[in-house]
Amino acid sequence: MPRDDASAQGAPLPVLIRGDEGGPLSRQLVGVSLKRLCDFLYRASSLRYTRASGLSDFEWRVLAWVCEVPGPSLGELAAHLHRGVAQTSRTVKRLVGMRLLQSRGRGGGPGVVITPTPLGCTVYEPLTRLAMEADRDLLAGIGEAELEALRRSIDLLTGNALVMLAREQRLSQAQSTGKPEAAGVRRSRGARSQPAQ
């Protein structure tokens, strides 16, 4: 049976908030269960890396992303971190002022490219060690065969999620341009919502 709390590992219980136990869908749908898992990981990361880096939660996330995947534009960085461009821009400017990041014009086009400085890489390096420790904690109790099966499942789920993303992007684009595909979806949904006569 999967362990659902820290006490199963002999660790103290976490301080939870209302709703952490999940609702009916979290016990029925894999996607909702994964989102609940990611929420716990996100909250643990916020505490761990903020404490270790001395940066704010969003500052270390920006630094970590740029160090891991150097050279994003401001818009790309904001999209990956699910924040607004204005907030991301302010945070990048603070990190540039701290000499952790550098921002330069994109050659031959508009916008900027954001890269880490040597000091930024130095600050990021201990965070990678913490990430490896956190991964070991997360996988505690999972054997090699189970881990390999898990990796295969994650690859499969990621592929399925990309198909879903492509479909939703296509429908969103069709809706914004008023193409029949989106209109047909709206009509079919409306037809299903009509009460039986």
N, C-alpha and C. Protein backbone atom coordinates (compact mmCIF):
# COMPACT_ATOMS: atom_id res chain seq x y z
N MET A 1 0.86 -1.20 0.00
CA MET A 1 0.00 0.00 0.00
C MET A 1 0.89 1.24 0.00
N PRO A 2 0.60 2.25 -0.83
CA PRO A 2 1.44 3.45 -0.89
C PRO A 2 1.36 4.23 0.40
N ARG A 3 2.47 4.79 0.80
CA ARG A 3 2.51 5.61 2.00
C ARG A 3 2.05 7.01 1.67
N ASP A 4 1.12 7.55 2.47
CA ASP A 4 0.53 8.84 2.15
C ASP A 4 0.88 9.91 3.15
N ASP A 5 1.74 9.59 4.16
CA ASP A 5 2.14 10.62 5.11
C ASP A 5 3.54 10.34 5.60
N ALA A 6 4.11 11.39 6.20
CA ALA A 6 5.50 11.29 6.62
C ALA A 6 5.69 10.32 7.78
N SER A 7 4.63 10.05 8.57
CA SER A 7 4.78 9.17 9.71
C SER A 7 5.12 7.76 9.28
N ALA A 8 4.76 7.39 8.04
CA ALA A 8 5.06 6.05 7.54
C ALA A 8 6.56 5.84 7.41
N GLN A 9 7.33 6.91 7.34
CA GLN A 9 8.77 6.82 7.22
C GLN A 9 9.47 7.18 8.54
N GLY A 10 8.70 7.28 9.61
CA GLY A 10 9.28 7.61 10.89
C GLY A 10 9.59 9.09 11.03
N ALA A 11 9.09 9.92 10.14
CA ALA A 11 9.33 11.36 10.19
C ALA A 11 8.15 12.05 10.85
N PRO A 12 8.34 13.26 11.36
CA PRO A 12 7.21 13.98 11.96
C PRO A 12 6.18 14.33 10.91
N LEU A 13 4.94 14.44 11.36
CA LEU A 13 3.87 14.79 10.44
C LEU A 13 4.01 16.23 9.97
N PRO A 14 3.72 16.50 8.70
CA PRO A 14 3.78 17.88 8.21
C PRO A 14 2.59 18.68 8.70
N VAL A 15 2.72 19.98 8.68
CA VAL A 15 1.60 20.87 8.99
C VAL A 15 0.81 21.04 7.69
N LEU A 16 -0.39 20.51 7.68
CA LEU A 16 -1.21 20.55 6.48
C LEU A 16 -2.23 21.67 6.58
N ILE A 17 -2.85 21.98 5.46
CA ILE A 17 -3.89 22.99 5.41
C ILE A 17 -5.18 22.34 4.92
N ARG A 18 -6.27 23.00 5.15
CA ARG A 18 -7.58 22.48 4.77
C ARG A 18 -7.59 22.13 3.28
N GLY A 19 -7.98 20.93 2.95
CA GLY A 19 -8.04 20.49 1.57
C GLY A 19 -6.87 19.62 1.16
N ASP A 20 -5.82 19.54 1.99
CA ASP A 20 -4.66 18.72 1.64
C ASP A 20 -5.01 17.24 1.55
N GLU A 21 -6.09 16.83 2.23
CA GLU A 21 -6.45 15.42 2.19
C GLU A 21 -7.01 15.02 0.83
N GLY A 22 -7.35 16.02 0.03
CA GLY A 22 -7.86 15.73 -1.31
C GLY A 22 -9.34 15.39 -1.29
N GLY A 23 -9.97 15.56 -2.44
CA GLY A 23 -11.38 15.24 -2.58
C GLY A 23 -11.58 13.94 -3.34
N PRO A 24 -12.82 13.65 -3.71
CA PRO A 24 -13.12 12.39 -4.40
C PRO A 24 -12.31 12.20 -5.69
N LEU A 25 -12.11 13.28 -6.44
CA LEU A 25 -11.39 13.13 -7.71
C LEU A 25 -9.93 12.75 -7.51
N SER A 26 -9.34 13.19 -6.40
CA SER A 26 -7.93 12.85 -6.15
C SER A 26 -7.77 11.37 -5.86
N ARG A 27 -8.86 10.69 -5.47
CA ARG A 27 -8.79 9.25 -5.24
C ARG A 27 -9.27 8.46 -6.45
N GLN A 28 -9.75 9.18 -7.46
CA GLN A 28 -10.30 8.52 -8.64
C GLN A 28 -9.47 8.77 -9.90
N LEU A 29 -8.98 10.01 -10.06
CA LEU A 29 -8.28 10.40 -11.29
C LEU A 29 -6.78 10.51 -11.04
N VAL A 30 -6.00 9.86 -11.89
CA VAL A 30 -4.55 9.89 -11.76
C VAL A 30 -4.01 11.31 -11.92
N GLY A 31 -4.58 12.06 -12.88
CA GLY A 31 -4.11 13.43 -13.12
C GLY A 31 -4.25 14.30 -11.89
N VAL A 32 -5.37 14.17 -11.18
CA VAL A 32 -5.59 14.98 -9.97
C VAL A 32 -4.65 14.51 -8.86
N SER A 33 -4.42 13.19 -8.77
CA SER A 33 -3.47 12.67 -7.77
C SER A 33 -2.07 13.21 -8.01
N LEU A 34 -1.67 13.28 -9.28
CA LEU A 34 -0.34 13.80 -9.61
C LEU A 34 -0.24 15.28 -9.27
N LYS A 35 -1.30 16.05 -9.50
CA LYS A 35 -1.28 17.47 -9.15
C LYS A 35 -1.16 17.65 -7.64
N ARG A 36 -1.82 16.77 -6.88
CA ARG A 36 -1.70 16.84 -5.41
C ARG A 36 -0.27 16.54 -4.98
N LEU A 37 0.34 15.52 -5.58
CA LEU A 37 1.73 15.20 -5.30
C LEU A 37 2.64 16.38 -5.64
N CYS A 38 2.44 16.97 -6.82
CA CYS A 38 3.26 18.11 -7.23
C CYS A 38 3.09 19.30 -6.30
N ASP A 39 1.89 19.47 -5.76
CA ASP A 39 1.66 20.57 -4.83
C ASP A 39 2.49 20.38 -3.57
N PHE A 40 2.53 19.16 -3.03
CA PHE A 40 3.35 18.90 -1.84
C PHE A 40 4.83 19.13 -2.14
N LEU A 41 5.29 18.68 -3.30
CA LEU A 41 6.69 18.87 -3.68
C LEU A 41 7.01 20.36 -3.85
N TYR A 42 6.07 21.10 -4.44
CA TYR A 42 6.26 22.54 -4.67
C TYR A 42 6.41 23.26 -3.33
N ARG A 43 5.56 22.92 -2.37
CA ARG A 43 5.59 23.59 -1.08
C ARG A 43 6.86 23.23 -0.31
N ALA A 44 7.29 21.98 -0.39
CA ALA A 44 8.54 21.59 0.27
C ALA A 44 9.72 22.31 -0.37
N SER A 45 9.71 22.41 -1.71
CA SER A 45 10.79 23.11 -2.42
C SER A 45 10.87 24.57 -2.02
N SER A 46 9.70 25.20 -1.87
CA SER A 46 9.67 26.62 -1.50
C SER A 46 10.41 26.85 -0.20
N LEU A 47 10.21 25.96 0.77
CA LEU A 47 10.89 26.10 2.06
C LEU A 47 12.37 25.75 1.96
N ARG A 48 12.66 24.64 1.28
CA ARG A 48 14.04 24.14 1.23
C ARG A 48 14.97 25.11 0.53
N TYR A 49 14.62 25.52 -0.68
CA TYR A 49 15.55 26.31 -1.48
C TYR A 49 15.57 27.78 -1.09
N THR A 50 14.47 28.27 -0.53
CA THR A 50 14.48 29.64 0.00
C THR A 50 15.42 29.72 1.19
N ARG A 51 15.35 28.70 2.06
CA ARG A 51 16.23 28.66 3.24
C ARG A 51 17.69 28.53 2.83
N ALA A 52 17.97 27.69 1.83
CA ALA A 52 19.36 27.41 1.44
C ALA A 52 20.00 28.55 0.66
N SER A 53 19.20 29.23 -0.16
CA SER A 53 19.77 30.25 -1.05
C SER A 53 19.77 31.65 -0.47
N GLY A 54 18.84 31.91 0.46
CA GLY A 54 18.69 33.28 0.96
C GLY A 54 17.92 34.17 0.02
N LEU A 55 17.42 33.59 -1.08
CA LEU A 55 16.62 34.33 -2.05
C LEU A 55 15.14 34.11 -1.74
N SER A 56 14.30 34.96 -2.34
CA SER A 56 12.87 34.74 -2.22
C SER A 56 12.47 33.51 -3.04
N ASP A 57 11.27 33.02 -2.82
CA ASP A 57 10.81 31.82 -3.51
C ASP A 57 10.88 31.99 -5.03
N PHE A 58 10.39 33.12 -5.54
CA PHE A 58 10.41 33.31 -6.99
C PHE A 58 11.81 33.61 -7.50
N GLU A 59 12.62 34.28 -6.70
CA GLU A 59 13.98 34.58 -7.15
C GLU A 59 14.79 33.30 -7.38
N TRP A 60 14.71 32.34 -6.46
CA TRP A 60 15.51 31.13 -6.67
C TRP A 60 14.94 30.30 -7.82
N ARG A 61 13.63 30.37 -8.03
CA ARG A 61 13.05 29.63 -9.17
C ARG A 61 13.53 30.22 -10.50
N VAL A 62 13.60 31.53 -10.57
CA VAL A 62 14.12 32.18 -11.78
C VAL A 62 15.59 31.81 -11.98
N LEU A 63 16.38 31.93 -10.93
CA LEU A 63 17.81 31.59 -11.02
C LEU A 63 18.00 30.14 -11.43
N ALA A 64 17.26 29.24 -10.81
CA ALA A 64 17.41 27.81 -11.10
C ALA A 64 17.05 27.51 -12.55
N TRP A 65 15.98 28.12 -13.05
CA TRP A 65 15.57 27.84 -14.43
C TRP A 65 16.63 28.33 -15.42
N VAL A 66 17.14 29.53 -15.18
CA VAL A 66 18.12 30.09 -16.12
C VAL A 66 19.44 29.31 -16.05
N CYS A 67 19.82 28.84 -14.87
CA CYS A 67 21.04 28.04 -14.77
C CYS A 67 20.86 26.68 -15.43
N GLU A 68 19.67 26.12 -15.31
CA GLU A 68 19.43 24.79 -15.86
C GLU A 68 19.24 24.83 -17.38
N VAL A 69 18.57 25.88 -17.86
CA VAL A 69 18.31 26.03 -19.31
C VAL A 69 18.70 27.46 -19.69
N PRO A 70 19.98 27.74 -19.87
CA PRO A 70 20.43 29.12 -20.11
C PRO A 70 19.90 29.68 -21.43
N GLY A 71 19.70 31.01 -21.42
CA GLY A 71 19.37 31.71 -22.65
C GLY A 71 17.92 31.92 -22.97
N PRO A 72 16.98 31.80 -22.01
CA PRO A 72 15.59 32.07 -22.37
C PRO A 72 15.35 33.56 -22.55
N SER A 73 14.34 33.88 -23.33
CA SER A 73 13.88 35.26 -23.39
C SER A 73 13.03 35.54 -22.16
N LEU A 74 12.69 36.78 -21.94
CA LEU A 74 11.86 37.13 -20.80
C LEU A 74 10.49 36.47 -20.91
N GLY A 75 9.92 36.48 -22.10
CA GLY A 75 8.61 35.87 -22.30
C GLY A 75 8.64 34.37 -22.08
N GLU A 76 9.69 33.72 -22.56
CA GLU A 76 9.81 32.27 -22.36
C GLU A 76 9.96 31.93 -20.89
N LEU A 77 10.77 32.72 -20.19
CA LEU A 77 10.98 32.48 -18.77
C LEU A 77 9.68 32.64 -17.99
N ALA A 78 8.92 33.69 -18.29
CA ALA A 78 7.65 33.92 -17.62
C ALA A 78 6.68 32.78 -17.88
N ALA A 79 6.64 32.29 -19.12
CA ALA A 79 5.73 31.20 -19.47
C ALA A 79 6.09 29.92 -18.73
N HIS A 80 7.37 29.61 -18.66
CA HIS A 80 7.79 28.39 -17.98
C HIS A 80 7.50 28.44 -16.49
N LEU A 81 7.60 29.62 -15.90
CA LEU A 81 7.39 29.77 -14.46
C LEU A 81 5.96 30.13 -14.11
N HIS A 82 5.10 30.24 -15.13
CA HIS A 82 3.68 30.52 -14.93
C HIS A 82 3.45 31.82 -14.14
N ARG A 83 4.20 32.83 -14.49
CA ARG A 83 4.04 34.15 -13.89
C ARG A 83 3.93 35.17 -15.01
N GLY A 84 3.49 36.38 -14.64
CA GLY A 84 3.38 37.45 -15.62
C GLY A 84 4.74 37.96 -16.03
N VAL A 85 4.79 38.54 -17.23
CA VAL A 85 6.06 39.08 -17.73
C VAL A 85 6.55 40.21 -16.85
N ALA A 86 5.64 41.06 -16.35
CA ALA A 86 6.04 42.20 -15.52
C ALA A 86 6.73 41.72 -14.24
N GLN A 87 6.14 40.74 -13.54
CA GLN A 87 6.74 40.23 -12.32
C GLN A 87 8.08 39.55 -12.61
N THR A 88 8.12 38.78 -13.69
CA THR A 88 9.36 38.10 -14.05
C THR A 88 10.45 39.11 -14.38
N SER A 89 10.08 40.17 -15.09
CA SER A 89 11.05 41.20 -15.45
C SER A 89 11.63 41.87 -14.21
N ARG A 90 10.77 42.18 -13.23
CA ARG A 90 11.26 42.82 -12.00
C ARG A 90 12.22 41.90 -11.26
N THR A 91 11.90 40.60 -11.22
CA THR A 91 12.75 39.66 -10.52
C THR A 91 14.09 39.49 -11.24
N VAL A 92 14.06 39.41 -12.56
CA VAL A 92 15.30 39.32 -13.33
C VAL A 92 16.17 40.54 -13.07
N LYS A 93 15.57 41.72 -13.03
CA LYS A 93 16.34 42.94 -12.77
C LYS A 93 17.00 42.89 -11.40
N ARG A 94 16.28 42.38 -10.40
CA ARG A 94 16.88 42.26 -9.06
C ARG A 94 18.06 41.30 -9.09
N LEU A 95 17.91 40.18 -9.78
CA LEU A 95 18.99 39.20 -9.85
C LEU A 95 20.17 39.71 -10.67
N VAL A 96 19.89 40.53 -11.68
CA VAL A 96 20.97 41.18 -12.43
C VAL A 96 21.71 42.14 -11.50
N GLY A 97 20.96 42.89 -10.69
CA GLY A 97 21.57 43.81 -9.74
C GLY A 97 22.41 43.11 -8.69
N MET A 98 22.04 41.85 -8.38
CA MET A 98 22.80 41.05 -7.43
C MET A 98 23.96 40.31 -8.10
N ARG A 99 24.10 40.52 -9.41
CA ARG A 99 25.16 39.91 -10.22
C ARG A 99 25.05 38.39 -10.31
N LEU A 100 23.80 37.90 -10.22
CA LEU A 100 23.55 36.47 -10.37
C LEU A 100 23.14 36.11 -11.80
N LEU A 101 22.53 37.07 -12.49
CA LEU A 101 22.12 36.89 -13.88
C LEU A 101 22.64 38.05 -14.70
N GLN A 102 22.70 37.82 -16.01
CA GLN A 102 22.99 38.92 -16.93
C GLN A 102 21.98 38.87 -18.07
N SER A 103 21.63 40.03 -18.55
CA SER A 103 20.64 40.17 -19.61
C SER A 103 21.25 40.97 -20.75
N ARG A 104 21.17 40.41 -21.95
CA ARG A 104 21.74 41.11 -23.11
C ARG A 104 20.77 41.04 -24.27
N GLY A 105 20.89 41.98 -25.18
CA GLY A 105 20.02 42.01 -26.34
C GLY A 105 20.19 40.78 -27.22
N ARG A 106 19.08 40.33 -27.76
CA ARG A 106 19.11 39.19 -28.68
C ARG A 106 19.67 39.65 -30.02
N GLY A 107 20.71 39.04 -30.48
CA GLY A 107 21.34 39.45 -31.73
C GLY A 107 20.40 39.30 -32.92
N GLY A 108 20.22 40.38 -33.66
CA GLY A 108 19.40 40.33 -34.85
C GLY A 108 17.91 40.34 -34.62
N GLY A 109 17.46 40.59 -33.40
CA GLY A 109 16.03 40.62 -33.15
C GLY A 109 15.70 41.33 -31.86
N PRO A 110 14.40 41.54 -31.59
CA PRO A 110 13.98 42.23 -30.36
C PRO A 110 14.10 41.31 -29.15
N GLY A 111 13.98 41.90 -27.98
CA GLY A 111 14.01 41.13 -26.76
C GLY A 111 15.42 40.92 -26.23
N VAL A 112 15.47 40.19 -25.11
CA VAL A 112 16.75 39.95 -24.44
C VAL A 112 16.94 38.45 -24.22
N VAL A 113 18.17 38.09 -24.00
CA VAL A 113 18.53 36.72 -23.63
C VAL A 113 19.10 36.76 -22.21
N ILE A 114 18.65 35.85 -21.35
CA ILE A 114 19.02 35.87 -19.94
C ILE A 114 19.92 34.67 -19.66
N THR A 115 21.07 34.92 -19.10
CA THR A 115 22.03 33.86 -18.78
C THR A 115 22.57 34.05 -17.37
N PRO A 116 23.08 32.97 -16.76
CA PRO A 116 23.65 33.10 -15.41
C PRO A 116 25.06 33.66 -15.46
N THR A 117 25.45 34.33 -14.42
CA THR A 117 26.84 34.77 -14.25
C THR A 117 27.60 33.67 -13.52
N PRO A 118 28.92 33.75 -13.47
CA PRO A 118 29.67 32.78 -12.66
C PRO A 118 29.21 32.75 -11.20
N LEU A 119 28.88 33.93 -10.65
CA LEU A 119 28.39 33.97 -9.28
C LEU A 119 27.04 33.28 -9.18
N GLY A 120 26.18 33.48 -10.18
CA GLY A 120 24.88 32.81 -10.19
C GLY A 120 25.03 31.30 -10.20
N CYS A 121 25.96 30.80 -11.00
CA CYS A 121 26.21 29.35 -11.04
C CYS A 121 26.73 28.85 -9.70
N THR A 122 27.53 29.67 -9.03
CA THR A 122 28.05 29.29 -7.71
C THR A 122 26.92 29.18 -6.69
N VAL A 123 25.98 30.13 -6.74
CA VAL A 123 24.84 30.10 -5.83
C VAL A 123 23.92 28.91 -6.15
N TYR A 124 23.81 28.59 -7.42
CA TYR A 124 22.92 27.51 -7.86
C TYR A 124 23.46 26.12 -7.50
N GLU A 125 24.76 25.97 -7.47
CA GLU A 125 25.37 24.64 -7.31
C GLU A 125 24.90 23.91 -6.04
N PRO A 126 24.84 24.57 -4.86
CA PRO A 126 24.33 23.86 -3.69
C PRO A 126 22.86 23.45 -3.84
N LEU A 127 22.10 24.19 -4.63
CA LEU A 127 20.69 23.84 -4.82
C LEU A 127 20.56 22.53 -5.59
N THR A 128 21.51 22.27 -6.51
CA THR A 128 21.45 21.00 -7.25
C THR A 128 21.71 19.83 -6.31
N ARG A 129 22.60 20.00 -5.34
CA ARG A 129 22.84 18.93 -4.36
C ARG A 129 21.60 18.68 -3.52
N LEU A 130 20.93 19.77 -3.12
CA LEU A 130 19.69 19.62 -2.37
C LEU A 130 18.62 18.92 -3.19
N ALA A 131 18.58 19.21 -4.49
CA ALA A 131 17.60 18.57 -5.37
C ALA A 131 17.84 17.07 -5.44
N MET A 132 19.11 16.67 -5.49
CA MET A 132 19.43 15.24 -5.52
C MET A 132 19.04 14.56 -4.21
N GLU A 133 19.26 15.25 -3.10
CA GLU A 133 18.85 14.70 -1.80
C GLU A 133 17.33 14.56 -1.74
N ALA A 134 16.62 15.57 -2.23
CA ALA A 134 15.16 15.54 -2.22
C ALA A 134 14.64 14.40 -3.09
N ASP A 135 15.32 14.15 -4.21
CA ASP A 135 14.90 13.06 -5.10
C ASP A 135 15.08 11.71 -4.40
N ARG A 136 16.17 11.56 -3.66
CA ARG A 136 16.36 10.31 -2.91
C ARG A 136 15.27 10.14 -1.86
N ASP A 137 14.91 11.22 -1.18
CA ASP A 137 13.84 11.15 -0.18
C ASP A 137 12.51 10.77 -0.83
N LEU A 138 12.24 11.36 -1.97
CA LEU A 138 10.97 11.09 -2.66
C LEU A 138 10.88 9.63 -3.08
N LEU A 139 11.99 9.04 -3.49
CA LEU A 139 11.99 7.68 -4.02
C LEU A 139 12.27 6.62 -2.96
N ALA A 140 12.33 7.03 -1.70
CA ALA A 140 12.59 6.07 -0.62
C ALA A 140 11.55 4.97 -0.63
N GLY A 141 12.03 3.71 -0.57
CA GLY A 141 11.11 2.58 -0.55
C GLY A 141 10.77 2.03 -1.91
N ILE A 142 11.24 2.67 -2.98
CA ILE A 142 10.98 2.21 -4.34
C ILE A 142 12.20 1.46 -4.86
N GLY A 143 12.00 0.21 -5.28
CA GLY A 143 13.10 -0.60 -5.77
C GLY A 143 13.50 -0.24 -7.18
N GLU A 144 14.61 -0.82 -7.65
CA GLU A 144 15.12 -0.51 -8.98
C GLU A 144 14.12 -0.86 -10.06
N ALA A 145 13.49 -2.04 -9.96
CA ALA A 145 12.52 -2.44 -10.97
C ALA A 145 11.31 -1.50 -10.98
N GLU A 146 10.86 -1.12 -9.78
CA GLU A 146 9.74 -0.19 -9.68
C GLU A 146 10.11 1.18 -10.25
N LEU A 147 11.36 1.59 -9.97
CA LEU A 147 11.80 2.89 -10.47
C LEU A 147 11.86 2.90 -11.99
N GLU A 148 12.35 1.83 -12.58
CA GLU A 148 12.42 1.75 -14.04
C GLU A 148 11.02 1.77 -14.64
N ALA A 149 10.08 1.05 -14.00
CA ALA A 149 8.69 1.07 -14.48
C ALA A 149 8.09 2.46 -14.33
N LEU A 150 8.45 3.14 -13.22
CA LEU A 150 7.95 4.49 -13.00
C LEU A 150 8.46 5.44 -14.08
N ARG A 151 9.75 5.31 -14.42
CA ARG A 151 10.31 6.19 -15.46
C ARG A 151 9.62 5.95 -16.80
N ARG A 152 9.35 4.69 -17.13
CA ARG A 152 8.65 4.40 -18.38
C ARG A 152 7.25 4.98 -18.35
N SER A 153 6.59 4.88 -17.21
CA SER A 153 5.23 5.43 -17.09
C SER A 153 5.25 6.94 -17.22
N ILE A 154 6.25 7.59 -16.61
CA ILE A 154 6.35 9.05 -16.71
C ILE A 154 6.57 9.47 -18.16
N ASP A 155 7.42 8.73 -18.88
CA ASP A 155 7.64 9.04 -20.30
C ASP A 155 6.34 8.92 -21.08
N LEU A 156 5.59 7.86 -20.81
CA LEU A 156 4.32 7.65 -21.52
C LEU A 156 3.32 8.75 -21.18
N LEU A 157 3.19 9.06 -19.88
CA LEU A 157 2.26 10.10 -19.45
C LEU A 157 2.65 11.46 -20.02
N THR A 158 3.96 11.73 -20.08
CA THR A 158 4.42 13.00 -20.66
C THR A 158 4.04 13.09 -22.12
N GLY A 159 4.22 12.00 -22.87
CA GLY A 159 3.80 11.99 -24.27
C GLY A 159 2.31 12.23 -24.42
N ASN A 160 1.51 11.58 -23.57
CA ASN A 160 0.06 11.79 -23.63
C ASN A 160 -0.31 13.23 -23.29
N ALA A 161 0.40 13.80 -22.30
CA ALA A 161 0.12 15.18 -21.91
C ALA A 161 0.46 16.15 -23.04
N LEU A 162 1.52 15.87 -23.79
CA LEU A 162 1.89 16.73 -24.92
C LEU A 162 0.84 16.66 -26.02
N VAL A 163 0.26 15.48 -26.24
CA VAL A 163 -0.84 15.36 -27.21
C VAL A 163 -2.03 16.20 -26.74
N MET A 164 -2.35 16.13 -25.44
CA MET A 164 -3.44 16.92 -24.90
C MET A 164 -3.17 18.41 -25.05
N LEU A 165 -1.92 18.83 -24.77
CA LEU A 165 -1.57 20.23 -24.90
C LEU A 165 -1.73 20.72 -26.33
N ALA A 166 -1.25 19.91 -27.29
CA ALA A 166 -1.37 20.29 -28.70
C ALA A 166 -2.83 20.44 -29.09
N ARG A 167 -3.68 19.55 -28.60
CA ARG A 167 -5.10 19.62 -28.93
C ARG A 167 -5.73 20.89 -28.36
N GLU A 168 -5.42 21.19 -27.09
CA GLU A 168 -6.01 22.37 -26.47
C GLU A 168 -5.49 23.65 -27.12
N GLN A 169 -4.21 23.67 -27.50
CA GLN A 169 -3.67 24.85 -28.20
C GLN A 169 -4.37 25.05 -29.54
N ARG A 170 -4.62 23.95 -30.26
CA ARG A 170 -5.29 24.05 -31.55
C ARG A 170 -6.71 24.57 -31.38
N LEU A 171 -7.43 24.05 -30.38
CA LEU A 171 -8.79 24.49 -30.14
C LEU A 171 -8.84 25.95 -29.69
N SER A 172 -7.87 26.34 -28.84
CA SER A 172 -7.81 27.72 -28.37
C SER A 172 -7.55 28.68 -29.53
N GLN A 173 -6.63 28.28 -30.42
CA GLN A 173 -6.32 29.12 -31.57
C GLN A 173 -7.52 29.21 -32.51
N ALA A 174 -8.20 28.08 -32.69
CA ALA A 174 -9.38 28.09 -33.56
C ALA A 174 -10.47 28.97 -32.97
N GLN A 175 -10.62 28.94 -31.66
CA GLN A 175 -11.64 29.77 -31.01
C GLN A 175 -11.32 31.25 -31.16
N SER A 176 -10.03 31.60 -31.01
CA SER A 176 -9.65 33.00 -31.10
C SER A 176 -9.80 33.56 -32.51
N THR A 177 -9.70 32.68 -33.50
CA THR A 177 -9.83 33.13 -34.90
C THR A 177 -11.23 32.87 -35.45
N GLY A 178 -12.10 32.28 -34.62
CA GLY A 178 -13.47 32.05 -35.05
C GLY A 178 -13.62 30.95 -36.07
N LYS A 179 -12.70 29.98 -36.08
CA LYS A 179 -12.79 28.89 -37.04
C LYS A 179 -13.90 27.92 -36.65
N PRO A 180 -14.44 27.20 -37.63
CA PRO A 180 -15.56 26.30 -37.37
C PRO A 180 -15.27 25.22 -36.35
N GLU A 181 -14.01 24.78 -36.23
CA GLU A 181 -13.69 23.69 -35.32
C GLU A 181 -14.11 24.03 -33.90
N ALA A 182 -13.75 25.25 -33.45
CA ALA A 182 -14.10 25.65 -32.09
C ALA A 182 -15.59 25.88 -31.97
N ALA A 183 -16.20 26.47 -33.00
CA ALA A 183 -17.63 26.70 -32.97
C ALA A 183 -18.38 25.39 -32.87
N GLY A 184 -17.90 24.37 -33.57
CA GLY A 184 -18.53 23.06 -33.51
C GLY A 184 -18.46 22.47 -32.12
N VAL A 185 -17.32 22.66 -31.43
CA VAL A 185 -17.18 22.17 -30.07
C VAL A 185 -18.18 22.87 -29.16
N ARG A 186 -18.32 24.20 -29.34
CA ARG A 186 -19.26 24.95 -28.49
C ARG A 186 -20.69 24.49 -28.75
N ARG A 187 -21.02 24.26 -30.04
CA ARG A 187 -22.39 23.83 -30.35
C ARG A 187 -22.68 22.45 -29.77
N SER A 188 -21.69 21.55 -29.87
CA SER A 188 -21.92 20.21 -29.36
C SER A 188 -22.07 20.21 -27.85
N ARG A 189 -21.30 21.07 -27.17
CA ARG A 189 -21.44 21.18 -25.72
C ARG A 189 -22.79 21.76 -25.36
N GLY A 190 -23.19 22.76 -26.12
CA GLY A 190 -24.49 23.36 -25.86
C GLY A 190 -25.62 22.39 -26.08
N ALA A 191 -25.48 21.55 -27.10
CA ALA A 191 -26.53 20.57 -27.38
C ALA A 191 -26.64 19.56 -26.26
N ARG A 192 -25.51 19.16 -25.70
CA ARG A 192 -25.54 18.18 -24.61
C ARG A 192 -26.15 18.77 -23.36
N SER A 193 -26.03 20.10 -23.20
CA SER A 193 -26.53 20.71 -21.97
C SER A 193 -28.03 20.96 -22.01
N GLN A 194 -28.69 20.79 -23.20
CA GLN A 194 -30.13 21.03 -23.29
C GLN A 194 -30.89 19.93 -22.59
N PRO A 195 -31.89 20.28 -21.78
CA PRO A 195 -32.67 19.24 -21.11
C PRO A 195 -33.51 18.45 -22.11
N ALA A 196 -33.76 17.19 -21.79
CA ALA A 196 -34.59 16.36 -22.68
C ALA A 196 -36.00 16.88 -22.71
N GLN A 197 -36.57 16.88 -23.92
CA GLN A 197 -37.95 17.37 -24.05
C GLN A 197 -38.96 16.25 -23.77
